[in-house]
């Protein structure tokens, strides 16, 4: 009677033992089923958390590689643009304030830097093309950059950077040439 109020209809003193035993067996069966159900639910939550951590880690890796790695096109673009901004002949043609931008998209945004990666003689190479513009209206140029991988350091080194000036007088300004 302690385990749920069940009473056996048998006469004698053993009726309590039978009813208690039967109630305990039912409780263990129900609790075992509940434990299996809860364990399945917990395992599912664990898998969802692991997948979330994996996706988040992958995103952080891609963002870090794209923004901070020496081999990313954006990093090479930034370094080449700084060299253009500090070169005296470029400053003489375009002025002190030089903007750099990539290819125009369908929406008119100019953020994508055109690049191509290839392997030559077992070394990774990358070519970039982007545009610069001076503060004076109409002063525009196309910057061509090529880098190749250094096997000792694993970093990309500049082979050449030159600017094609698109306004009169048309000319090519060589910023760096390590060919």
N, C-alpha and C. Protein backbone atom coordinates (compact mmCIF):
# COMPACT_ATOMS: atom_id res chain seq x y z
N UNK A 1 0.82 -1.21 0.00
CA UNK A 1 0.00 0.00 0.00
C UNK A 1 0.85 1.26 0.00
N UNK A 2 2.11 1.11 0.31
CA UNK A 2 2.97 2.28 0.35
C UNK A 2 3.30 2.78 -1.04
N UNK A 3 3.36 1.92 -1.99
CA UNK A 3 3.84 2.30 -3.31
C UNK A 3 2.75 2.73 -4.26
N UNK A 4 1.58 2.88 -3.88
CA UNK A 4 0.58 3.36 -4.81
C UNK A 4 -0.82 3.00 -4.39
N UNK A 5 -1.00 2.46 -3.25
CA UNK A 5 -2.33 2.18 -2.75
C UNK A 5 -2.94 0.91 -3.29
N UNK A 6 -2.18 -0.01 -3.83
CA UNK A 6 -2.72 -1.26 -4.35
C UNK A 6 -2.86 -2.26 -3.22
N UNK A 7 -3.95 -2.99 -3.21
CA UNK A 7 -4.16 -4.03 -2.20
C UNK A 7 -4.46 -5.33 -2.90
N UNK A 8 -3.89 -6.35 -2.39
CA UNK A 8 -4.15 -7.67 -2.96
C UNK A 8 -5.41 -8.24 -2.34
N UNK A 9 -6.13 -9.05 -3.08
CA UNK A 9 -7.38 -9.62 -2.60
C UNK A 9 -7.17 -10.96 -1.94
N UNK A 10 -5.95 -11.40 -1.79
CA UNK A 10 -5.65 -12.69 -1.19
C UNK A 10 -5.75 -12.58 0.32
N UNK A 11 -6.30 -13.59 0.94
CA UNK A 11 -6.31 -13.57 2.39
C UNK A 11 -4.95 -13.98 2.92
N UNK A 12 -4.54 -13.43 3.98
CA UNK A 12 -3.28 -13.81 4.62
C UNK A 12 -2.39 -12.60 4.77
N UNK A 13 -1.23 -12.83 5.40
CA UNK A 13 -0.33 -11.74 5.72
C UNK A 13 0.62 -11.38 4.60
N UNK A 14 0.65 -12.11 3.53
CA UNK A 14 1.60 -11.83 2.45
C UNK A 14 1.06 -10.88 1.38
N UNK A 15 -0.11 -10.32 1.59
CA UNK A 15 -0.72 -9.46 0.57
C UNK A 15 0.07 -8.17 0.37
N UNK A 16 0.66 -7.64 1.41
CA UNK A 16 1.45 -6.41 1.27
C UNK A 16 2.68 -6.66 0.41
N UNK A 17 3.34 -7.76 0.59
CA UNK A 17 4.55 -8.06 -0.17
C UNK A 17 4.25 -8.16 -1.66
N UNK A 18 3.19 -8.78 -1.99
CA UNK A 18 2.84 -8.96 -3.39
C UNK A 18 2.52 -7.62 -4.03
N UNK A 19 1.75 -6.80 -3.37
CA UNK A 19 1.36 -5.52 -3.96
C UNK A 19 2.55 -4.56 -4.08
N UNK A 20 3.42 -4.56 -3.10
CA UNK A 20 4.59 -3.68 -3.16
C UNK A 20 5.52 -4.14 -4.28
N UNK A 21 5.72 -5.42 -4.41
CA UNK A 21 6.59 -5.96 -5.45
C UNK A 21 6.05 -5.61 -6.83
N UNK A 22 4.77 -5.74 -7.02
CA UNK A 22 4.16 -5.45 -8.31
C UNK A 22 4.28 -3.96 -8.65
N UNK A 23 4.07 -3.09 -7.72
CA UNK A 23 4.16 -1.65 -7.95
C UNK A 23 5.60 -1.24 -8.25
N UNK A 24 6.57 -1.83 -7.58
CA UNK A 24 7.97 -1.51 -7.86
C UNK A 24 8.36 -1.95 -9.26
N UNK A 25 7.91 -3.08 -9.73
CA UNK A 25 8.21 -3.55 -11.09
C UNK A 25 7.64 -2.59 -12.13
N UNK A 26 6.42 -2.10 -11.93
CA UNK A 26 5.84 -1.15 -12.87
C UNK A 26 6.63 0.16 -12.90
N UNK A 27 7.07 0.63 -11.73
CA UNK A 27 7.84 1.87 -11.67
C UNK A 27 9.17 1.73 -12.40
N UNK A 28 9.85 0.62 -12.24
CA UNK A 28 11.13 0.44 -12.92
C UNK A 28 10.95 0.31 -14.42
N UNK A 29 9.87 -0.30 -14.87
CA UNK A 29 9.63 -0.39 -16.31
C UNK A 29 9.34 0.99 -16.90
N UNK A 30 8.54 1.78 -16.22
CA UNK A 30 8.22 3.12 -16.71
C UNK A 30 9.46 4.00 -16.67
N UNK A 31 10.21 3.94 -15.62
CA UNK A 31 11.38 4.79 -15.52
C UNK A 31 12.46 4.37 -16.53
N UNK A 32 12.59 3.11 -16.84
CA UNK A 32 13.55 2.66 -17.85
C UNK A 32 13.16 3.19 -19.23
N UNK A 33 11.89 3.15 -19.55
CA UNK A 33 11.42 3.68 -20.83
C UNK A 33 11.65 5.19 -20.90
N UNK A 34 11.38 5.87 -19.79
CA UNK A 34 11.61 7.31 -19.75
C UNK A 34 13.09 7.64 -19.87
N UNK A 35 13.93 6.82 -19.26
CA UNK A 35 15.37 7.06 -19.34
C UNK A 35 15.88 6.91 -20.77
N UNK A 36 15.39 5.91 -21.47
CA UNK A 36 15.79 5.71 -22.87
C UNK A 36 15.34 6.89 -23.72
N UNK A 37 14.10 7.33 -23.48
CA UNK A 37 13.57 8.47 -24.23
C UNK A 37 14.38 9.74 -23.96
N UNK A 38 14.72 9.99 -22.70
CA UNK A 38 15.50 11.17 -22.34
C UNK A 38 16.92 11.07 -22.90
N UNK A 39 17.49 9.88 -22.87
CA UNK A 39 18.84 9.70 -23.42
C UNK A 39 18.86 9.98 -24.92
N UNK A 40 17.83 9.54 -25.64
CA UNK A 40 17.73 9.82 -27.07
C UNK A 40 17.61 11.30 -27.34
N UNK A 41 16.80 11.98 -26.54
CA UNK A 41 16.64 13.43 -26.69
C UNK A 41 17.95 14.15 -26.37
N UNK A 42 18.62 13.75 -25.32
CA UNK A 42 19.90 14.37 -24.96
C UNK A 42 20.95 14.14 -26.04
N UNK A 43 20.97 12.95 -26.61
CA UNK A 43 21.93 12.66 -27.69
C UNK A 43 21.64 13.54 -28.90
N UNK A 44 20.37 13.73 -29.22
CA UNK A 44 20.01 14.60 -30.35
C UNK A 44 20.47 16.03 -30.10
N UNK A 45 20.25 16.54 -28.89
CA UNK A 45 20.72 17.88 -28.55
C UNK A 45 22.23 17.97 -28.65
N UNK A 46 22.92 16.93 -28.20
CA UNK A 46 24.38 16.90 -28.26
C UNK A 46 24.86 16.98 -29.71
N UNK A 47 24.22 16.23 -30.61
CA UNK A 47 24.59 16.25 -32.03
C UNK A 47 24.34 17.65 -32.62
N UNK A 48 23.20 18.26 -32.27
CA UNK A 48 22.89 19.60 -32.79
C UNK A 48 23.93 20.61 -32.31
N UNK A 49 24.33 20.52 -31.05
CA UNK A 49 25.36 21.42 -30.52
C UNK A 49 26.68 21.20 -31.22
N UNK A 50 27.07 19.94 -31.45
CA UNK A 50 28.33 19.65 -32.14
C UNK A 50 28.31 20.19 -33.57
N UNK A 51 27.21 20.03 -34.28
CA UNK A 51 27.10 20.57 -35.64
C UNK A 51 27.20 22.09 -35.61
N UNK A 52 26.55 22.73 -34.65
CA UNK A 52 26.63 24.18 -34.53
C UNK A 52 28.04 24.66 -34.26
N UNK A 53 28.75 23.97 -33.38
CA UNK A 53 30.14 24.33 -33.09
C UNK A 53 31.01 24.13 -34.33
N UNK A 54 30.77 23.05 -35.07
CA UNK A 54 31.54 22.79 -36.29
C UNK A 54 31.31 23.86 -37.35
N UNK A 55 30.06 24.24 -37.56
CA UNK A 55 29.75 25.28 -38.55
C UNK A 55 30.35 26.62 -38.13
N UNK A 56 30.23 26.97 -36.85
CA UNK A 56 30.80 28.22 -36.36
C UNK A 56 32.31 28.23 -36.52
N UNK A 57 32.96 27.13 -36.17
CA UNK A 57 34.41 27.03 -36.34
C UNK A 57 34.82 27.15 -37.80
N UNK A 58 34.06 26.52 -38.69
CA UNK A 58 34.34 26.63 -40.11
C UNK A 58 34.21 28.06 -40.62
N UNK A 59 33.19 28.76 -40.16
CA UNK A 59 33.02 30.16 -40.56
C UNK A 59 34.17 31.02 -40.06
N UNK A 60 34.57 30.83 -38.81
CA UNK A 60 35.70 31.60 -38.29
C UNK A 60 36.98 31.30 -39.07
N UNK A 61 37.19 30.05 -39.45
CA UNK A 61 38.37 29.68 -40.22
C UNK A 61 38.36 30.39 -41.58
N UNK A 62 37.23 30.35 -42.27
CA UNK A 62 37.14 30.97 -43.60
C UNK A 62 37.34 32.48 -43.50
N UNK A 63 36.71 33.11 -42.50
CA UNK A 63 36.86 34.55 -42.33
C UNK A 63 38.31 34.91 -42.01
N UNK A 64 38.93 34.16 -41.11
CA UNK A 64 40.32 34.43 -40.76
C UNK A 64 41.23 34.25 -41.97
N UNK A 65 41.02 33.17 -42.71
CA UNK A 65 41.86 32.90 -43.88
C UNK A 65 41.68 33.99 -44.94
N UNK A 66 40.45 34.45 -45.14
CA UNK A 66 40.19 35.44 -46.17
C UNK A 66 40.70 36.83 -45.79
N UNK A 67 40.61 37.19 -44.54
CA UNK A 67 40.96 38.55 -44.15
C UNK A 67 42.39 38.70 -43.65
N UNK A 68 42.92 37.68 -43.00
CA UNK A 68 44.21 37.85 -42.33
C UNK A 68 45.33 37.00 -42.90
N UNK A 69 45.04 36.07 -43.76
CA UNK A 69 46.08 35.22 -44.33
C UNK A 69 46.87 35.99 -45.37
N UNK A 70 48.16 35.70 -45.45
CA UNK A 70 49.01 36.39 -46.45
C UNK A 70 48.72 35.91 -47.86
N UNK A 71 48.00 34.82 -47.99
CA UNK A 71 47.72 34.27 -49.31
C UNK A 71 46.33 34.61 -49.83
N UNK A 72 45.58 35.45 -49.11
CA UNK A 72 44.24 35.78 -49.58
C UNK A 72 44.32 36.93 -50.58
N UNK A 73 43.43 36.92 -51.56
CA UNK A 73 43.42 38.02 -52.55
C UNK A 73 43.18 39.39 -51.91
N UNK A 74 42.36 39.44 -50.86
CA UNK A 74 42.10 40.73 -50.21
C UNK A 74 43.34 41.28 -49.53
N UNK A 75 44.14 40.42 -48.92
CA UNK A 75 45.38 40.86 -48.26
C UNK A 75 46.37 41.36 -49.31
N UNK A 76 46.52 40.64 -50.40
CA UNK A 76 47.44 41.04 -51.47
C UNK A 76 46.97 42.36 -52.09
N UNK A 77 45.66 42.49 -52.28
CA UNK A 77 45.09 43.74 -52.81
C UNK A 77 45.42 44.91 -51.88
N UNK A 78 45.23 44.72 -50.59
CA UNK A 78 45.51 45.80 -49.62
C UNK A 78 46.97 46.21 -49.63
N UNK A 79 47.87 45.22 -49.69
CA UNK A 79 49.31 45.52 -49.72
C UNK A 79 49.69 46.26 -51.01
N UNK A 80 49.15 45.80 -52.14
CA UNK A 80 49.47 46.45 -53.42
C UNK A 80 48.89 47.87 -53.47
N UNK A 81 47.70 48.07 -52.92
CA UNK A 81 47.11 49.40 -52.90
C UNK A 81 47.94 50.36 -52.05
N UNK A 82 48.46 49.89 -50.93
CA UNK A 82 49.32 50.73 -50.09
C UNK A 82 50.61 51.10 -50.82
N UNK A 83 51.17 50.16 -51.58
CA UNK A 83 52.37 50.48 -52.36
C UNK A 83 52.06 51.51 -53.43
N UNK A 84 50.87 51.42 -54.03
CA UNK A 84 50.47 52.41 -55.03
C UNK A 84 50.30 53.79 -54.38
N UNK A 85 49.69 53.84 -53.22
CA UNK A 85 49.44 55.11 -52.54
C UNK A 85 50.73 55.79 -52.09
N UNK A 86 51.78 55.01 -51.86
CA UNK A 86 53.04 55.60 -51.37
C UNK A 86 54.06 55.84 -52.49
N UNK A 87 53.77 55.43 -53.70
CA UNK A 87 54.71 55.60 -54.81
C UNK A 87 54.64 57.05 -55.31
N UNK A 88 55.81 57.75 -55.41
CA UNK A 88 55.79 59.18 -55.77
C UNK A 88 55.23 59.47 -57.16
N UNK A 89 55.49 58.61 -58.13
CA UNK A 89 54.99 58.87 -59.48
C UNK A 89 53.47 58.71 -59.54
N UNK A 90 52.94 57.76 -58.80
CA UNK A 90 51.48 57.57 -58.75
C UNK A 90 50.84 58.78 -58.07
N UNK A 91 51.45 59.26 -57.00
CA UNK A 91 50.92 60.44 -56.30
C UNK A 91 50.95 61.65 -57.24
N UNK A 92 52.01 61.77 -58.07
CA UNK A 92 52.10 62.88 -59.03
C UNK A 92 51.01 62.83 -60.08
N UNK A 93 50.60 61.65 -60.49
CA UNK A 93 49.57 61.53 -61.53
C UNK A 93 48.16 61.61 -60.94
N UNK A 94 47.91 60.88 -59.84
CA UNK A 94 46.55 60.75 -59.31
C UNK A 94 46.25 61.68 -58.13
N UNK A 95 47.26 62.24 -57.51
CA UNK A 95 47.03 63.09 -56.34
C UNK A 95 47.26 62.31 -55.05
N UNK A 96 47.07 63.00 -53.92
CA UNK A 96 47.33 62.38 -52.61
C UNK A 96 46.28 61.37 -52.19
N UNK A 97 45.05 61.62 -52.51
CA UNK A 97 43.96 60.73 -52.08
C UNK A 97 43.63 59.77 -53.22
N UNK A 98 43.99 58.50 -53.03
CA UNK A 98 43.78 57.49 -54.06
C UNK A 98 42.83 56.43 -53.52
N UNK A 99 41.77 56.16 -54.30
CA UNK A 99 40.81 55.11 -53.94
C UNK A 99 41.09 53.89 -54.80
N UNK A 100 40.93 52.71 -54.21
CA UNK A 100 41.05 51.47 -54.95
C UNK A 100 39.74 50.72 -54.91
N UNK A 101 39.41 50.04 -56.00
CA UNK A 101 38.18 49.26 -56.03
C UNK A 101 38.32 48.14 -57.05
N UNK A 102 37.44 47.17 -56.92
CA UNK A 102 37.45 46.01 -57.79
C UNK A 102 36.45 46.13 -58.92
N UNK A 103 36.07 44.99 -59.45
CA UNK A 103 35.11 44.93 -60.55
C UNK A 103 33.73 45.36 -60.06
N UNK A 104 32.97 45.97 -60.94
CA UNK A 104 31.60 46.38 -60.61
C UNK A 104 30.68 45.18 -60.73
N UNK A 105 29.76 45.04 -59.78
CA UNK A 105 28.76 43.98 -59.83
C UNK A 105 27.52 44.51 -60.54
N UNK A 106 26.51 43.65 -60.64
CA UNK A 106 25.27 44.07 -61.30
C UNK A 106 24.57 45.18 -60.54
N UNK A 107 24.79 45.22 -59.25
CA UNK A 107 24.15 46.25 -58.43
C UNK A 107 24.97 47.53 -58.38
N UNK A 108 26.09 47.58 -59.07
CA UNK A 108 26.89 48.79 -59.10
C UNK A 108 27.94 48.87 -58.01
N UNK A 109 28.04 47.83 -57.18
CA UNK A 109 29.06 47.83 -56.14
C UNK A 109 30.38 47.38 -56.74
N UNK A 110 31.45 48.02 -56.30
CA UNK A 110 32.77 47.72 -56.87
C UNK A 110 33.67 47.14 -55.79
N UNK A 111 33.38 45.96 -55.35
CA UNK A 111 34.12 45.39 -54.25
C UNK A 111 34.92 44.15 -54.64
N UNK A 112 34.51 43.42 -55.64
CA UNK A 112 35.17 42.17 -55.99
C UNK A 112 36.48 42.43 -56.73
N UNK A 113 37.58 41.97 -56.16
CA UNK A 113 38.88 42.12 -56.80
C UNK A 113 39.09 40.91 -57.71
N UNK A 114 39.27 41.17 -58.98
CA UNK A 114 39.46 40.11 -59.95
C UNK A 114 40.81 39.44 -59.73
N UNK A 115 40.80 38.12 -59.57
CA UNK A 115 42.06 37.41 -59.37
C UNK A 115 41.96 36.02 -59.98
N UNK A 116 43.12 35.47 -60.29
CA UNK A 116 43.22 34.12 -60.81
C UNK A 116 44.40 33.45 -60.13
N UNK A 117 44.20 32.20 -59.71
CA UNK A 117 45.25 31.43 -59.07
C UNK A 117 45.64 30.29 -60.01
N UNK A 118 46.94 30.04 -60.12
CA UNK A 118 47.42 28.96 -60.97
C UNK A 118 48.73 28.42 -60.41
N UNK A 119 49.12 27.25 -60.88
CA UNK A 119 50.37 26.62 -60.45
C UNK A 119 51.30 26.55 -61.66
N UNK A 120 52.53 27.04 -61.47
CA UNK A 120 53.54 27.03 -62.54
C UNK A 120 54.85 26.56 -61.92
N UNK A 121 55.45 25.55 -62.48
CA UNK A 121 56.70 24.97 -61.98
C UNK A 121 56.59 24.53 -60.52
N UNK A 122 55.41 24.06 -60.12
CA UNK A 122 55.20 23.58 -58.76
C UNK A 122 54.98 24.67 -57.73
N UNK A 123 54.92 25.92 -58.15
CA UNK A 123 54.69 27.05 -57.24
C UNK A 123 53.33 27.68 -57.52
N UNK A 124 52.66 28.08 -56.46
CA UNK A 124 51.39 28.77 -56.60
C UNK A 124 51.65 30.21 -57.02
N UNK A 125 50.87 30.68 -57.98
CA UNK A 125 50.93 32.06 -58.45
C UNK A 125 49.52 32.65 -58.36
N UNK A 126 49.46 33.96 -58.26
CA UNK A 126 48.17 34.64 -58.27
C UNK A 126 48.34 35.97 -58.99
N UNK A 127 47.38 36.26 -59.87
CA UNK A 127 47.34 37.54 -60.55
C UNK A 127 46.08 38.28 -60.12
N UNK A 128 46.24 39.55 -59.87
CA UNK A 128 45.11 40.39 -59.48
C UNK A 128 45.02 41.58 -60.42
N UNK A 129 43.80 42.07 -60.57
CA UNK A 129 43.58 43.29 -61.34
C UNK A 129 42.53 44.09 -60.60
N UNK A 130 42.88 45.34 -60.29
CA UNK A 130 41.92 46.24 -59.67
C UNK A 130 42.16 47.64 -60.20
N UNK A 131 41.34 48.57 -59.78
CA UNK A 131 41.36 49.91 -60.34
C UNK A 131 41.64 50.93 -59.25
N UNK A 132 42.30 52.02 -59.65
CA UNK A 132 42.53 53.13 -58.73
C UNK A 132 41.99 54.40 -59.38
N UNK A 133 41.67 55.35 -58.51
CA UNK A 133 41.10 56.60 -58.97
C UNK A 133 41.64 57.71 -58.08
N UNK A 134 41.99 58.83 -58.68
CA UNK A 134 42.50 59.97 -57.93
C UNK A 134 41.40 60.95 -57.58
N UNK A 135 41.78 61.99 -56.82
CA UNK A 135 40.79 62.99 -56.43
C UNK A 135 40.40 63.87 -57.61
N UNK A 136 41.29 64.02 -58.55
CA UNK A 136 40.95 64.79 -59.75
C UNK A 136 40.04 63.94 -60.62
N UNK A 137 38.99 64.55 -61.15
CA UNK A 137 38.02 63.79 -61.94
C UNK A 137 38.67 63.28 -63.23
N UNK A 138 38.35 62.08 -63.57
CA UNK A 138 38.86 61.50 -64.80
C UNK A 138 40.19 60.80 -64.67
N UNK A 139 40.86 60.88 -63.54
CA UNK A 139 42.14 60.23 -63.36
C UNK A 139 41.89 58.80 -62.87
N UNK A 140 42.10 57.84 -63.78
CA UNK A 140 41.86 56.44 -63.45
C UNK A 140 43.01 55.60 -63.96
N UNK A 141 43.20 54.45 -63.30
CA UNK A 141 44.23 53.53 -63.73
C UNK A 141 43.87 52.10 -63.36
N UNK A 142 44.50 51.16 -64.05
CA UNK A 142 44.31 49.74 -63.79
C UNK A 142 45.60 49.19 -63.21
N UNK A 143 45.51 48.56 -62.07
CA UNK A 143 46.67 48.00 -61.39
C UNK A 143 46.73 46.50 -61.68
N UNK A 144 47.90 46.04 -62.10
CA UNK A 144 48.14 44.62 -62.35
C UNK A 144 49.19 44.13 -61.35
N UNK A 145 48.88 43.04 -60.67
CA UNK A 145 49.75 42.49 -59.63
C UNK A 145 49.90 41.00 -59.88
N UNK A 146 51.12 40.52 -59.72
CA UNK A 146 51.34 39.07 -59.73
C UNK A 146 52.24 38.73 -58.55
N UNK A 147 51.85 37.67 -57.84
CA UNK A 147 52.63 37.18 -56.71
C UNK A 147 52.88 35.69 -56.91
N UNK A 148 53.97 35.21 -56.30
CA UNK A 148 54.23 33.77 -56.33
C UNK A 148 54.63 33.32 -54.94
N UNK A 149 54.40 32.07 -54.67
CA UNK A 149 54.66 31.50 -53.35
C UNK A 149 56.14 31.24 -53.15
N UNK A 150 56.64 31.62 -51.98
CA UNK A 150 58.01 31.30 -51.59
C UNK A 150 57.95 29.99 -50.82
N UNK A 151 58.68 28.97 -51.29
CA UNK A 151 58.61 27.65 -50.64
C UNK A 151 59.18 27.66 -49.23
N UNK A 152 60.18 28.50 -48.97
CA UNK A 152 60.81 28.52 -47.65
C UNK A 152 59.88 29.12 -46.59
N UNK A 153 59.23 30.23 -46.91
CA UNK A 153 58.38 30.89 -45.93
C UNK A 153 56.92 30.52 -46.05
N UNK A 154 56.51 30.03 -47.23
CA UNK A 154 55.10 29.71 -47.45
C UNK A 154 54.24 30.92 -47.72
N UNK A 155 54.85 32.08 -47.86
CA UNK A 155 54.12 33.32 -48.11
C UNK A 155 54.26 33.71 -49.58
N UNK A 156 53.36 34.58 -50.01
CA UNK A 156 53.43 35.08 -51.38
C UNK A 156 54.35 36.29 -51.43
N UNK A 157 55.16 36.35 -52.48
CA UNK A 157 56.06 37.47 -52.72
C UNK A 157 55.70 38.11 -54.05
N UNK A 158 55.82 39.42 -54.10
CA UNK A 158 55.43 40.18 -55.29
C UNK A 158 56.41 39.93 -56.42
N UNK A 159 55.88 39.58 -57.58
CA UNK A 159 56.70 39.50 -58.79
C UNK A 159 56.69 40.85 -59.50
N UNK A 160 55.49 41.41 -59.66
CA UNK A 160 55.42 42.74 -60.26
C UNK A 160 54.13 43.45 -59.84
N UNK A 161 54.23 44.76 -59.84
CA UNK A 161 53.07 45.64 -59.68
C UNK A 161 53.27 46.77 -60.68
N UNK A 162 52.31 46.94 -61.59
CA UNK A 162 52.37 48.09 -62.49
C UNK A 162 50.97 48.65 -62.70
N UNK A 163 50.93 49.93 -63.05
CA UNK A 163 49.67 50.65 -63.21
C UNK A 163 49.59 51.17 -64.64
N UNK A 164 48.51 50.83 -65.32
CA UNK A 164 48.21 51.40 -66.64
C UNK A 164 47.37 52.64 -66.42
N UNK A 165 47.92 53.82 -66.77
CA UNK A 165 47.18 55.07 -66.63
C UNK A 165 46.26 55.19 -67.83
N UNK A 166 44.96 55.36 -67.58
CA UNK A 166 43.97 55.34 -68.65
C UNK A 166 43.65 56.72 -69.21
N UNK A 167 44.25 57.76 -68.64
CA UNK A 167 44.00 59.11 -69.12
C UNK A 167 45.21 59.59 -69.90
N UNK A 168 45.03 60.68 -70.62
CA UNK A 168 46.12 61.21 -71.45
C UNK A 168 47.19 61.82 -70.57
N UNK A 169 48.40 61.63 -70.78
CA UNK A 169 49.04 60.70 -71.72
C UNK A 169 49.05 59.28 -71.15
N UNK A 170 48.62 58.34 -71.97
CA UNK A 170 48.59 56.94 -71.53
C UNK A 170 50.01 56.43 -71.36
N UNK A 171 50.21 55.75 -70.26
CA UNK A 171 51.54 55.19 -69.98
C UNK A 171 51.40 54.10 -68.93
N UNK A 172 52.48 53.40 -68.71
CA UNK A 172 52.54 52.36 -67.68
C UNK A 172 53.57 52.76 -66.66
N UNK A 173 53.17 52.77 -65.39
CA UNK A 173 54.07 53.10 -64.29
C UNK A 173 54.40 51.79 -63.57
N UNK A 174 55.69 51.47 -63.52
CA UNK A 174 56.13 50.25 -62.84
C UNK A 174 56.44 50.61 -61.38
N UNK A 175 55.74 49.95 -60.47
CA UNK A 175 55.94 50.19 -59.05
C UNK A 175 56.97 49.22 -58.49
N UNK A 176 56.86 47.96 -58.88
CA UNK A 176 57.80 46.95 -58.42
C UNK A 176 57.91 45.88 -59.49
N UNK A 177 59.14 45.46 -59.78
CA UNK A 177 59.37 44.42 -60.78
C UNK A 177 60.47 43.49 -60.30
N UNK A 178 60.10 42.29 -59.89
CA UNK A 178 61.05 41.29 -59.40
C UNK A 178 61.09 40.05 -60.28
N UNK A 179 60.88 40.25 -61.56
CA UNK A 179 60.88 39.10 -62.46
C UNK A 179 62.26 38.75 -62.76
